[in-house]
Full PDB file with SEQRES, HELIX, SHEET, SSBOND, CRYST1, ORIGX, SCALE, CONECT and MASTER records, all heavy atoms in Angstrom:
SEQRES   1 A   39  ASP LEU HIS GLY LEU TYR PHE GLN ASP LEU THR LEU THR          
SEQRES   2 A   39  CYS SER TYR SER CYS GLY PRO ARG GLU THR LYS GLN ALA          
SEQRES   3 A   39  LYS GLU LEU LEU GLU GLN GLY LEU PHE ARG ALA GLU ASP          
HELIX    1 AA1 LEU A    2  GLN A    8  1                                   7    
HELIX    2 AA2 PRO A   20  GLU A   31  1                                  12    
CRYST1    1.000    1.000    1.000  90.00  90.00  90.00 P 1           1          
ORIGX1      1.000000  0.000000  0.000000        0.00000                         
ORIGX2      0.000000  1.000000  0.000000        0.00000                         
ORIGX3      0.000000  0.000000  1.000000        0.00000                         
SCALE1      1.000000  0.000000  0.000000        0.00000                         
SCALE2      0.000000  1.000000  0.000000        0.00000                         
SCALE3      0.000000  0.000000  1.000000        0.00000                         
ATOM      1  N   ASP A   1      -2.142  -6.041 -23.089  1.00  0.00           N  
ATOM      2  CA  ASP A   1      -1.842  -7.258 -23.836  1.00  0.00           C  
ATOM      3  C   ASP A   1      -2.051  -8.448 -22.896  1.00  0.00           C  
ATOM      4  O   ASP A   1      -1.104  -8.942 -22.275  1.00  0.00           O  
ATOM      5  CB  ASP A   1      -0.400  -7.204 -24.351  1.00  0.00           C  
ATOM      6  CG  ASP A   1       0.028  -8.497 -25.026  1.00  0.00           C  
ATOM      7  OD1 ASP A   1      -0.857  -9.320 -25.367  1.00  0.00           O  
ATOM      8  OD2 ASP A   1       1.250  -8.693 -25.185  1.00  0.00           O  
ATOM      9  N   LEU A   2      -3.283  -8.899 -22.770  1.00  0.00           N  
ATOM     10  CA  LEU A   2      -3.584  -9.965 -21.822  1.00  0.00           C  
ATOM     11  C   LEU A   2      -2.891 -11.272 -22.204  1.00  0.00           C  
ATOM     12  O   LEU A   2      -2.540 -12.074 -21.325  1.00  0.00           O  
ATOM     13  CB  LEU A   2      -5.094 -10.172 -21.735  1.00  0.00           C  
ATOM     14  CG  LEU A   2      -5.885  -8.976 -21.189  1.00  0.00           C  
ATOM     15  CD1 LEU A   2      -7.363  -9.294 -21.152  1.00  0.00           C  
ATOM     16  CD2 LEU A   2      -5.386  -8.575 -19.807  1.00  0.00           C  
ATOM     17  N   HIS A   3      -2.671 -11.492 -23.496  1.00  0.00           N  
ATOM     18  CA  HIS A   3      -1.935 -12.676 -23.942  1.00  0.00           C  
ATOM     19  C   HIS A   3      -0.519 -12.658 -23.367  1.00  0.00           C  
ATOM     20  O   HIS A   3      -0.063 -13.617 -22.735  1.00  0.00           O  
ATOM     21  CB  HIS A   3      -1.893 -12.726 -25.465  1.00  0.00           C  
ATOM     22  CG  HIS A   3      -1.057 -13.844 -26.023  1.00  0.00           C  
ATOM     23  ND1 HIS A   3      -1.541 -15.119 -26.192  1.00  0.00           N  
ATOM     24  CD2 HIS A   3       0.248 -13.861 -26.430  1.00  0.00           C  
ATOM     25  CE1 HIS A   3      -0.579 -15.883 -26.675  1.00  0.00           C  
ATOM     26  NE2 HIS A   3       0.509 -15.141 -26.837  1.00  0.00           N  
ATOM     27  N   GLY A   4       0.166 -11.519 -23.543  1.00  0.00           N  
ATOM     28  CA  GLY A   4       1.534 -11.418 -23.060  1.00  0.00           C  
ATOM     29  C   GLY A   4       1.613 -11.417 -21.540  1.00  0.00           C  
ATOM     30  O   GLY A   4       2.530 -12.011 -20.957  1.00  0.00           O  
ATOM     31  N   LEU A   5       0.656 -10.764 -20.892  1.00  0.00           N  
ATOM     32  CA  LEU A   5       0.672 -10.700 -19.432  1.00  0.00           C  
ATOM     33  C   LEU A   5       0.448 -12.075 -18.812  1.00  0.00           C  
ATOM     34  O   LEU A   5       0.984 -12.378 -17.743  1.00  0.00           O  
ATOM     35  CB  LEU A   5      -0.385  -9.713 -18.940  1.00  0.00           C  
ATOM     36  CG  LEU A   5      -0.181  -8.249 -19.362  1.00  0.00           C  
ATOM     37  CD1 LEU A   5      -1.269  -7.364 -18.763  1.00  0.00           C  
ATOM     38  CD2 LEU A   5       1.198  -7.743 -18.956  1.00  0.00           C  
ATOM     39  N   TYR A   6      -0.338 -12.891 -19.478  1.00  0.00           N  
ATOM     40  CA  TYR A   6      -0.553 -14.253 -18.979  1.00  0.00           C  
ATOM     41  C   TYR A   6       0.774 -15.019 -18.934  1.00  0.00           C  
ATOM     42  O   TYR A   6       1.120 -15.636 -17.925  1.00  0.00           O  
ATOM     43  CB  TYR A   6      -1.554 -14.985 -19.864  1.00  0.00           C  
ATOM     44  CG  TYR A   6      -1.689 -16.450 -19.497  1.00  0.00           C  
ATOM     45  CD1 TYR A   6      -2.567 -16.859 -18.501  1.00  0.00           C  
ATOM     46  CD2 TYR A   6      -0.915 -17.421 -20.142  1.00  0.00           C  
ATOM     47  CE1 TYR A   6      -2.680 -18.191 -18.149  1.00  0.00           C  
ATOM     48  CE2 TYR A   6      -1.010 -18.751 -19.793  1.00  0.00           C  
ATOM     49  CZ  TYR A   6      -1.901 -19.140 -18.805  1.00  0.00           C  
ATOM     50  OH  TYR A   6      -2.001 -20.470 -18.460  1.00  0.00           O  
ATOM     51  N   PHE A   7       1.531 -14.954 -20.029  1.00  0.00           N  
ATOM     52  CA  PHE A   7       2.783 -15.702 -20.081  1.00  0.00           C  
ATOM     53  C   PHE A   7       3.884 -15.041 -19.242  1.00  0.00           C  
ATOM     54  O   PHE A   7       4.930 -15.660 -19.004  1.00  0.00           O  
ATOM     55  CB  PHE A   7       3.223 -15.876 -21.535  1.00  0.00           C  
ATOM     56  CG  PHE A   7       2.402 -16.891 -22.270  1.00  0.00           C  
ATOM     57  CD1 PHE A   7       1.419 -16.500 -23.164  1.00  0.00           C  
ATOM     58  CD2 PHE A   7       2.570 -18.245 -22.033  1.00  0.00           C  
ATOM     59  CE1 PHE A   7       0.644 -17.439 -23.831  1.00  0.00           C  
ATOM     60  CE2 PHE A   7       1.801 -19.191 -22.698  1.00  0.00           C  
ATOM     61  CZ  PHE A   7       0.826 -18.791 -23.597  1.00  0.00           C  
ATOM     62  N   GLN A   8       3.644 -13.805 -18.797  1.00  0.00           N  
ATOM     63  CA  GLN A   8       4.590 -13.153 -17.885  1.00  0.00           C  
ATOM     64  C   GLN A   8       4.289 -13.518 -16.432  1.00  0.00           C  
ATOM     65  O   GLN A   8       5.041 -13.175 -15.535  1.00  0.00           O  
ATOM     66  CB  GLN A   8       4.523 -11.625 -18.059  1.00  0.00           C  
ATOM     67  CG  GLN A   8       5.693 -10.880 -17.437  1.00  0.00           C  
ATOM     68  CD  GLN A   8       5.571  -9.373 -17.613  1.00  0.00           C  
ATOM     69  OE1 GLN A   8       4.576  -8.871 -18.131  1.00  0.00           O  
ATOM     70  NE2 GLN A   8       6.594  -8.648 -17.197  1.00  0.00           N  
ATOM     71  N   ASP A   9       3.147 -14.185 -16.177  1.00  0.00           N  
ATOM     72  CA  ASP A   9       2.727 -14.515 -14.806  1.00  0.00           C  
ATOM     73  C   ASP A   9       2.506 -13.261 -13.965  1.00  0.00           C  
ATOM     74  O   ASP A   9       2.851 -13.212 -12.783  1.00  0.00           O  
ATOM     75  CB  ASP A   9       3.758 -15.411 -14.108  1.00  0.00           C  
ATOM     76  CG  ASP A   9       3.407 -16.892 -14.220  1.00  0.00           C  
ATOM     77  OD1 ASP A   9       2.224 -17.193 -14.483  1.00  0.00           O  
ATOM     78  OD2 ASP A   9       4.298 -17.732 -14.045  1.00  0.00           O  
ATOM     79  N   LEU A  10       1.919 -12.248 -14.580  1.00  0.00           N  
ATOM     80  CA  LEU A  10       1.734 -10.977 -13.884  1.00  0.00           C  
ATOM     81  C   LEU A  10       0.564 -11.045 -12.901  1.00  0.00           C  
ATOM     82  O   LEU A  10      -0.497 -11.586 -13.208  1.00  0.00           O  
ATOM     83  CB  LEU A  10       1.495  -9.844 -14.882  1.00  0.00           C  
ATOM     84  CG  LEU A  10       1.269  -8.454 -14.264  1.00  0.00           C  
ATOM     85  CD1 LEU A  10       2.030  -7.394 -15.040  1.00  0.00           C  
ATOM     86  CD2 LEU A  10      -0.216  -8.089 -14.240  1.00  0.00           C  
ATOM     87  N   THR A  11       0.753 -10.478 -11.708  1.00  0.00           N  
ATOM     88  CA  THR A  11      -0.319 -10.308 -10.735  1.00  0.00           C  
ATOM     89  C   THR A  11      -0.622  -8.828 -10.621  1.00  0.00           C  
ATOM     90  O   THR A  11       0.268  -8.026 -10.317  1.00  0.00           O  
ATOM     91  CB  THR A  11       0.088 -10.848  -9.353  1.00  0.00           C  
ATOM     92  OG1 THR A  11       0.345 -12.250  -9.448  1.00  0.00           O  
ATOM     93  CG2 THR A  11      -1.012 -10.612  -8.324  1.00  0.00           C  
ATOM     94  N   LEU A  12      -1.870  -8.449 -10.877  1.00  0.00           N  
ATOM     95  CA  LEU A  12      -2.301  -7.057 -10.784  1.00  0.00           C  
ATOM     96  C   LEU A  12      -3.148  -6.895  -9.533  1.00  0.00           C  
ATOM     97  O   LEU A  12      -4.166  -7.565  -9.363  1.00  0.00           O  
ATOM     98  CB  LEU A  12      -3.106  -6.663 -12.026  1.00  0.00           C  
ATOM     99  CG  LEU A  12      -3.508  -5.198 -12.135  1.00  0.00           C  
ATOM    100  CD1 LEU A  12      -2.291  -4.296 -12.212  1.00  0.00           C  
ATOM    101  CD2 LEU A  12      -4.404  -4.984 -13.361  1.00  0.00           C  
ATOM    102  N   THR A  13      -2.720  -6.009  -8.637  1.00  0.00           N  
ATOM    103  CA  THR A  13      -3.406  -5.780  -7.366  1.00  0.00           C  
ATOM    104  C   THR A  13      -3.892  -4.334  -7.311  1.00  0.00           C  
ATOM    105  O   THR A  13      -3.166  -3.416  -7.710  1.00  0.00           O  
ATOM    106  CB  THR A  13      -2.456  -6.028  -6.174  1.00  0.00           C  
ATOM    107  OG1 THR A  13      -2.047  -7.386  -6.189  1.00  0.00           O  
ATOM    108  CG2 THR A  13      -3.133  -5.724  -4.857  1.00  0.00           C  
ATOM    109  N   CYS A  14      -5.111  -4.136  -6.847  1.00  0.00           N  
ATOM    110  CA  CYS A  14      -5.635  -2.789  -6.614  1.00  0.00           C  
ATOM    111  C   CYS A  14      -5.747  -2.574  -5.111  1.00  0.00           C  
ATOM    112  O   CYS A  14      -5.957  -3.516  -4.348  1.00  0.00           O  
ATOM    113  CB  CYS A  14      -7.003  -2.614  -7.264  1.00  0.00           C  
ATOM    114  SG  CYS A  14      -6.997  -2.850  -9.058  1.00  0.00           S  
ATOM    115  N   SER A  15      -5.607  -1.329  -4.691  1.00  0.00           N  
ATOM    116  CA  SER A  15      -5.714  -1.026  -3.269  1.00  0.00           C  
ATOM    117  C   SER A  15      -6.488   0.273  -3.104  1.00  0.00           C  
ATOM    118  O   SER A  15      -6.018   1.350  -3.487  1.00  0.00           O  
ATOM    119  CB  SER A  15      -4.330  -0.913  -2.627  1.00  0.00           C  
ATOM    120  OG  SER A  15      -4.443  -0.823  -1.221  1.00  0.00           O  
ATOM    121  N   TYR A  16      -7.685   0.155  -2.526  1.00  0.00           N  
ATOM    122  CA  TYR A  16      -8.614   1.279  -2.398  1.00  0.00           C  
ATOM    123  C   TYR A  16      -8.754   1.691  -0.944  1.00  0.00           C  
ATOM    124  O   TYR A  16      -9.175   0.904  -0.104  1.00  0.00           O  
ATOM    125  CB  TYR A  16      -9.971   0.859  -2.980  1.00  0.00           C  
ATOM    126  CG  TYR A  16     -11.127   1.782  -2.693  1.00  0.00           C  
ATOM    127  CD1 TYR A  16     -11.009   3.157  -2.872  1.00  0.00           C  
ATOM    128  CD2 TYR A  16     -12.345   1.278  -2.258  1.00  0.00           C  
ATOM    129  CE1 TYR A  16     -12.074   3.995  -2.622  1.00  0.00           C  
ATOM    130  CE2 TYR A  16     -13.421   2.109  -2.009  1.00  0.00           C  
ATOM    131  CZ  TYR A  16     -13.279   3.462  -2.188  1.00  0.00           C  
ATOM    132  OH  TYR A  16     -14.337   4.299  -1.934  1.00  0.00           O  
ATOM    133  N   SER A  17      -8.374   2.900  -0.635  1.00  0.00           N  
ATOM    134  CA  SER A  17      -8.565   3.527   0.675  1.00  0.00           C  
ATOM    135  C   SER A  17      -7.966   2.696   1.813  1.00  0.00           C  
ATOM    136  O   SER A  17      -6.969   2.008   1.634  1.00  0.00           O  
ATOM    137  CB  SER A  17     -10.050   3.816   0.907  1.00  0.00           C  
ATOM    138  OG  SER A  17     -10.221   4.716   1.992  1.00  0.00           O  
ATOM    139  N   CYS A  18      -8.585   2.763   2.999  1.00  0.00           N  
ATOM    140  CA  CYS A  18      -8.049   2.090   4.178  1.00  0.00           C  
ATOM    141  C   CYS A  18      -9.132   1.966   5.236  1.00  0.00           C  
ATOM    142  O   CYS A  18     -10.137   2.688   5.198  1.00  0.00           O  
ATOM    143  CB  CYS A  18      -6.865   2.878   4.751  1.00  0.00           C  
ATOM    144  SG  CYS A  18      -7.308   4.554   5.275  1.00  0.00           S  
ATOM    145  N   GLY A  19      -8.922   1.052   6.174  1.00  0.00           N  
ATOM    146  CA  GLY A  19      -9.871   0.827   7.255  1.00  0.00           C  
ATOM    147  C   GLY A  19      -9.223   1.002   8.609  1.00  0.00           C  
ATOM    148  O   GLY A  19      -8.067   1.430   8.719  1.00  0.00           O  
ATOM    149  N   PRO A  20      -9.955   0.650   9.676  1.00  0.00           N  
ATOM    150  CA  PRO A  20      -9.458   0.866  11.039  1.00  0.00           C  
ATOM    151  C   PRO A  20      -8.125   0.188  11.340  1.00  0.00           C  
ATOM    152  O   PRO A  20      -7.306   0.736  12.071  1.00  0.00           O  
ATOM    153  CB  PRO A  20     -10.586   0.299  11.910  1.00  0.00           C  
ATOM    154  CG  PRO A  20     -11.817   0.412  11.076  1.00  0.00           C  
ATOM    155  CD  PRO A  20     -11.355   0.168   9.677  1.00  0.00           C  
ATOM    156  N   ARG A  21      -7.900  -1.013  10.801  1.00  0.00           N  
ATOM    157  CA  ARG A  21      -6.626  -1.692  11.082  1.00  0.00           C  
ATOM    158  C   ARG A  21      -5.450  -0.871  10.588  1.00  0.00           C  
ATOM    159  O   ARG A  21      -4.437  -0.699  11.281  1.00  0.00           O  
ATOM    160  CB  ARG A  21      -6.603  -3.067  10.415  1.00  0.00           C  
ATOM    161  CG  ARG A  21      -7.574  -4.093  10.985  1.00  0.00           C  
ATOM    162  CD  ARG A  21      -7.592  -5.323  10.117  1.00  0.00           C  
ATOM    163  NE  ARG A  21      -7.974  -4.980   8.733  1.00  0.00           N  
ATOM    164  CZ  ARG A  21      -7.619  -5.670   7.667  1.00  0.00           C  
ATOM    165  NH1 ARG A  21      -6.835  -6.738   7.802  1.00  0.00           N  
ATOM    166  NH2 ARG A  21      -8.022  -5.326   6.463  1.00  0.00           N  
ATOM    167  N   GLU A  22      -5.587  -0.337   9.364  1.00  0.00           N  
ATOM    168  CA  GLU A  22      -4.483   0.409   8.773  1.00  0.00           C  
ATOM    169  C   GLU A  22      -4.299   1.777   9.439  1.00  0.00           C  
ATOM    170  O   GLU A  22      -3.173   2.263   9.548  1.00  0.00           O  
ATOM    171  CB  GLU A  22      -4.712   0.585   7.273  1.00  0.00           C  
ATOM    172  CG  GLU A  22      -4.630  -0.708   6.478  1.00  0.00           C  
ATOM    173  CD  GLU A  22      -5.954  -1.461   6.398  1.00  0.00           C  
ATOM    174  OE1 GLU A  22      -7.012  -0.835   6.657  1.00  0.00           O  
ATOM    175  OE2 GLU A  22      -5.929  -2.670   6.077  1.00  0.00           O  
ATOM    176  N   THR A  23      -5.397   2.408   9.882  1.00  0.00           N  
ATOM    177  CA  THR A  23      -5.222   3.707  10.536  1.00  0.00           C  
ATOM    178  C   THR A  23      -4.464   3.545  11.853  1.00  0.00           C  
ATOM    179  O   THR A  23      -3.621   4.384  12.207  1.00  0.00           O  
ATOM    180  CB  THR A  23      -6.571   4.415  10.773  1.00  0.00           C  
ATOM    181  OG1 THR A  23      -7.431   3.598  11.561  1.00  0.00           O  
ATOM    182  CG2 THR A  23      -7.248   4.765   9.462  1.00  0.00           C  
ATOM    183  N   LYS A  24      -4.731   2.471  12.577  1.00  0.00           N  
ATOM    184  CA  LYS A  24      -3.989   2.230  13.823  1.00  0.00           C  
ATOM    185  C   LYS A  24      -2.509   1.993  13.532  1.00  0.00           C  
ATOM    186  O   LYS A  24      -1.628   2.493  14.252  1.00  0.00           O  
ATOM    187  CB  LYS A  24      -4.584   1.036  14.561  1.00  0.00           C  
ATOM    188  CG  LYS A  24      -5.957   1.314  15.155  1.00  0.00           C  
ATOM    189  CD  LYS A  24      -6.541   0.074  15.820  1.00  0.00           C  
ATOM    190  CE  LYS A  24      -7.935   0.356  16.365  1.00  0.00           C  
ATOM    191  NZ  LYS A  24      -8.562  -0.866  16.938  1.00  0.00           N  
ATOM    192  N   GLN A  25      -2.225   1.238  12.470  1.00  0.00           N  
ATOM    193  CA  GLN A  25      -0.822   0.987  12.113  1.00  0.00           C  
ATOM    194  C   GLN A  25      -0.135   2.281  11.680  1.00  0.00           C  
ATOM    195  O   GLN A  25       1.033   2.516  12.021  1.00  0.00           O  
ATOM    196  CB  GLN A  25      -0.750  -0.049  11.005  1.00  0.00           C  
ATOM    197  CG  GLN A  25      -1.204  -1.441  11.413  1.00  0.00           C  
ATOM    198  CD  GLN A  25      -1.311  -2.372  10.220  1.00  0.00           C  
ATOM    199  OE1 GLN A  25      -0.469  -2.381   9.337  1.00  0.00           O  
ATOM    200  NE2 GLN A  25      -2.357  -3.168  10.186  1.00  0.00           N  
ATOM    201  N   ALA A  26      -0.854   3.123  10.925  1.00  0.00           N  
ATOM    202  CA  ALA A  26      -0.279   4.392  10.481  1.00  0.00           C  
ATOM    203  C   ALA A  26       0.023   5.304  11.671  1.00  0.00           C  
ATOM    204  O   ALA A  26       1.077   5.949  11.727  1.00  0.00           O  
ATOM    205  CB  ALA A  26      -1.235   5.087   9.510  1.00  0.00           C  
ATOM    206  N   LYS A  27      -0.894   5.351  12.616  1.00  0.00           N  
ATOM    207  CA  LYS A  27      -0.653   6.145  13.825  1.00  0.00           C  
ATOM    208  C   LYS A  27       0.615   5.673  14.530  1.00  0.00           C  
ATOM    209  O   LYS A  27       1.468   6.484  14.937  1.00  0.00           O  
ATOM    210  CB  LYS A  27      -1.848   6.054  14.763  1.00  0.00           C  
ATOM    211  CG  LYS A  27      -1.641   6.753  16.098  1.00  0.00           C  
ATOM    212  CD  LYS A  27      -2.694   6.356  17.119  1.00  0.00           C  
ATOM    213  CE  LYS A  27      -2.348   6.874  18.504  1.00  0.00           C  
ATOM    214  NZ  LYS A  27      -3.239   6.362  19.554  1.00  0.00           N  
ATOM    215  N   GLU A  28       0.776   4.364  14.670  1.00  0.00           N  
ATOM    216  CA  GLU A  28       1.953   3.818  15.348  1.00  0.00           C  
ATOM    217  C   GLU A  28       3.231   4.174  14.592  1.00  0.00           C  
ATOM    218  O   GLU A  28       4.255   4.514  15.201  1.00  0.00           O  
ATOM    219  CB  GLU A  28       1.811   2.303  15.477  1.00  0.00           C  
ATOM    220  CG  GLU A  28       0.702   1.878  16.444  1.00  0.00           C  
ATOM    221  CD  GLU A  28       0.387   0.397  16.369  1.00  0.00           C  
ATOM    222  OE1 GLU A  28       1.015  -0.295  15.521  1.00  0.00           O  
ATOM    223  OE2 GLU A  28      -0.492  -0.051  17.128  1.00  0.00           O  
ATOM    224  N   LEU A  29       3.204   4.108  13.269  1.00  0.00           N  
ATOM    225  CA  LEU A  29       4.384   4.453  12.474  1.00  0.00           C  
ATOM    226  C   LEU A  29       4.767   5.916  12.644  1.00  0.00           C  
ATOM    227  O   LEU A  29       5.954   6.263  12.728  1.00  0.00           O  
ATOM    228  CB  LEU A  29       4.132   4.140  10.996  1.00  0.00           C  
ATOM    229  CG  LEU A  29       4.107   2.655  10.625  1.00  0.00           C  
ATOM    230  CD1 LEU A  29       3.542   2.476   9.225  1.00  0.00           C  
ATOM    231  CD2 LEU A  29       5.508   2.053  10.718  1.00  0.00           C  
ATOM    232  N   LEU A  30       3.761   6.788  12.699  1.00  0.00           N  
ATOM    233  CA  LEU A  30       4.042   8.212  12.902  1.00  0.00           C  
ATOM    234  C   LEU A  30       4.572   8.462  14.306  1.00  0.00           C  
ATOM    235  O   LEU A  30       5.462   9.295  14.504  1.00  0.00           O  
ATOM    236  CB  LEU A  30       2.779   9.031  12.640  1.00  0.00           C  
ATOM    237  CG  LEU A  30       2.368   9.105  11.163  1.00  0.00           C  
ATOM    238  CD1 LEU A  30       0.945   9.617  11.011  1.00  0.00           C  
ATOM    239  CD2 LEU A  30       3.345   9.998  10.383  1.00  0.00           C  
ATOM    240  N   GLU A  31       4.041   7.745  15.280  1.00  0.00           N  
ATOM    241  CA  GLU A  31       4.559   7.869  16.649  1.00  0.00           C  
ATOM    242  C   GLU A  31       6.006   7.402  16.738  1.00  0.00           C  
ATOM    243  O   GLU A  31       6.772   7.905  17.558  1.00  0.00           O  
ATOM    244  CB  GLU A  31       3.680   7.075  17.610  1.00  0.00           C  
ATOM    245  CG  GLU A  31       2.304   7.696  17.836  1.00  0.00           C  
ATOM    246  CD  GLU A  31       1.385   6.816  18.661  1.00  0.00           C  
ATOM    247  OE1 GLU A  31       1.591   5.576  18.673  1.00  0.00           O  
ATOM    248  OE2 GLU A  31       0.435   7.358  19.267  1.00  0.00           O  
ATOM    249  N   GLN A  32       6.369   6.449  15.878  1.00  0.00           N  
ATOM    250  CA  GLN A  32       7.744   5.936  15.851  1.00  0.00           C  
ATOM    251  C   GLN A  32       8.683   6.836  15.062  1.00  0.00           C  
ATOM    252  O   GLN A  32       9.892   6.587  15.015  1.00  0.00           O  
ATOM    253  CB  GLN A  32       7.759   4.530  15.257  1.00  0.00           C  
ATOM    254  CG  GLN A  32       7.037   3.490  16.102  1.00  0.00           C  
ATOM    255  CD  GLN A  32       6.723   2.219  15.331  1.00  0.00           C  
ATOM    256  OE1 GLN A  32       7.245   1.986  14.230  1.00  0.00           O  
ATOM    257  NE2 GLN A  32       5.855   1.389  15.881  1.00  0.00           N  
ATOM    258  N   GLY A  33       8.134   7.887  14.418  1.00  0.00           N  
ATOM    259  CA  GLY A  33       8.970   8.847  13.698  1.00  0.00           C  
ATOM    260  C   GLY A  33       9.284   8.463  12.271  1.00  0.00           C  
ATOM    261  O   GLY A  33      10.355   8.810  11.769  1.00  0.00           O  
ATOM    262  N   LEU A  34       8.365   7.737  11.588  1.00  0.00           N  
ATOM    263  CA  LEU A  34       8.602   7.352  10.194  1.00  0.00           C  
ATOM    264  C   LEU A  34       8.943   8.574   9.345  1.00  0.00           C  
ATOM    265  O   LEU A  34       9.843   8.536   8.505  1.00  0.00           O  
ATOM    266  CB  LEU A  34       7.381   6.635   9.617  1.00  0.00           C  
ATOM    267  CG  LEU A  34       7.473   6.213   8.154  1.00  0.00           C  
ATOM    268  CD1 LEU A  34       8.573   5.169   7.964  1.00  0.00           C  
ATOM    269  CD2 LEU A  34       6.144   5.675   7.640  1.00  0.00           C  
ATOM    270  N   PHE A  35       8.229   9.665   9.538  1.00  0.00           N  
ATOM    271  CA  PHE A  35       8.557  10.932   8.889  1.00  0.00           C  
ATOM    272  C   PHE A  35       7.833  12.056   9.622  1.00  0.00           C  
ATOM    273  O   PHE A  35       6.921  11.825  10.408  1.00  0.00           O  
ATOM    274  CB  PHE A  35       8.192  10.927   7.399  1.00  0.00           C  
ATOM    275  CG  PHE A  35       6.724  10.701   7.116  1.00  0.00           C  
ATOM    276  CD1 PHE A  35       5.804  11.739   7.199  1.00  0.00           C  
ATOM    277  CD2 PHE A  35       6.264   9.449   6.750  1.00  0.00           C  
ATOM    278  CE1 PHE A  35       4.463  11.529   6.941  1.00  0.00           C  
ATOM    279  CE2 PHE A  35       4.920   9.228   6.485  1.00  0.00           C  
ATOM    280  CZ  PHE A  35       4.017  10.272   6.578  1.00  0.00           C  
ATOM    281  N   ARG A  36       8.255  13.279   9.340  1.00  0.00           N  
ATOM    282  CA  ARG A  36       7.579  14.466   9.831  1.00  0.00           C  
ATOM    283  C   ARG A  36       6.774  15.073   8.698  1.00  0.00           C  
ATOM    284  O   ARG A  36       7.073  14.855   7.516  1.00  0.00           O  
ATOM    285  CB  ARG A  36       8.595  15.481  10.364  1.00  0.00           C  
ATOM    286  CG  ARG A  36       9.240  15.076  11.679  1.00  0.00           C  
ATOM    287  CD  ARG A  36      10.393  15.988  12.056  1.00  0.00           C  
ATOM    288  NE  ARG A  36       9.994  17.381  12.201  1.00  0.00           N  
ATOM    289  CZ  ARG A  36       9.497  17.908  13.328  1.00  0.00           C  
ATOM    290  NH1 ARG A  36       9.334  17.140  14.401  1.00  0.00           N  
ATOM    291  NH2 ARG A  36       9.172  19.186  13.398  1.00  0.00           N  
ATOM    292  N   ALA A  37       5.769  15.839   9.047  1.00  0.00           N  
ATOM    293  CA  ALA A  37       4.911  16.435   8.027  1.00  0.00           C  
ATOM    294  C   ALA A  37       5.725  17.253   7.026  1.00  0.00           C  
ATOM    295  O   ALA A  37       5.418  17.271   5.827  1.00  0.00           O  
ATOM    296  CB  ALA A  37       3.849  17.309   8.689  1.00  0.00           C  
ATOM    297  N   GLU A  38       6.781  17.903   7.502  1.00  0.00           N  
ATOM    298  CA  GLU A  38       7.605  18.731   6.617  1.00  0.00           C  
ATOM    299  C   GLU A  38       8.271  17.921   5.514  1.00  0.00           C  
ATOM    300  O   GLU A  38       8.691  18.485   4.499  1.00  0.00           O  
ATOM    301  CB  GLU A  38       8.666  19.465   7.442  1.00  0.00           C  
ATOM    302  CG  GLU A  38       8.122  20.579   8.320  1.00  0.00           C  
ATOM    303  CD  GLU A  38       7.525  20.095   9.635  1.00  0.00           C  
ATOM    304  OE1 GLU A  38       7.514  18.864   9.875  1.00  0.00           O  
ATOM    305  OE2 GLU A  38       7.060  20.936  10.426  1.00  0.00           O  
ATOM    306  N   ASP A  39       8.368  16.605   5.670  1.00  0.00           N  
ATOM    307  CA  ASP A  39       8.973  15.761   4.638  1.00  0.00           C  
ATOM    308  C   ASP A  39       8.066  15.586   3.427  1.00  0.00           C  
ATOM    309  O   ASP A  39       8.552  15.280   2.323  1.00  0.00           O  
ATOM    310  CB  ASP A  39       9.311  14.379   5.209  1.00  0.00           C  
ATOM    311  CG  ASP A  39      10.384  14.433   6.279  1.00  0.00           C  
ATOM    312  OD1 ASP A  39      11.265  15.311   6.200  1.00  0.00           O  
ATOM    313  OD2 ASP A  39      10.337  13.598   7.206  1.00  0.00           O  
TER     314      ASP A  39                                                      
MASTER        0    0    0    2    0    0    0    6  313    1    0    3          
END                                                                             
């Protein structure tokens, strides 16, 4: 309902895959113990 979504001020964002910046950040988060694989 694009009419209704306009008056709701909705922002629709898509996010496809990842690049080198994000892989470095992910590595750092795992090194910091964000979670273990078993989780």
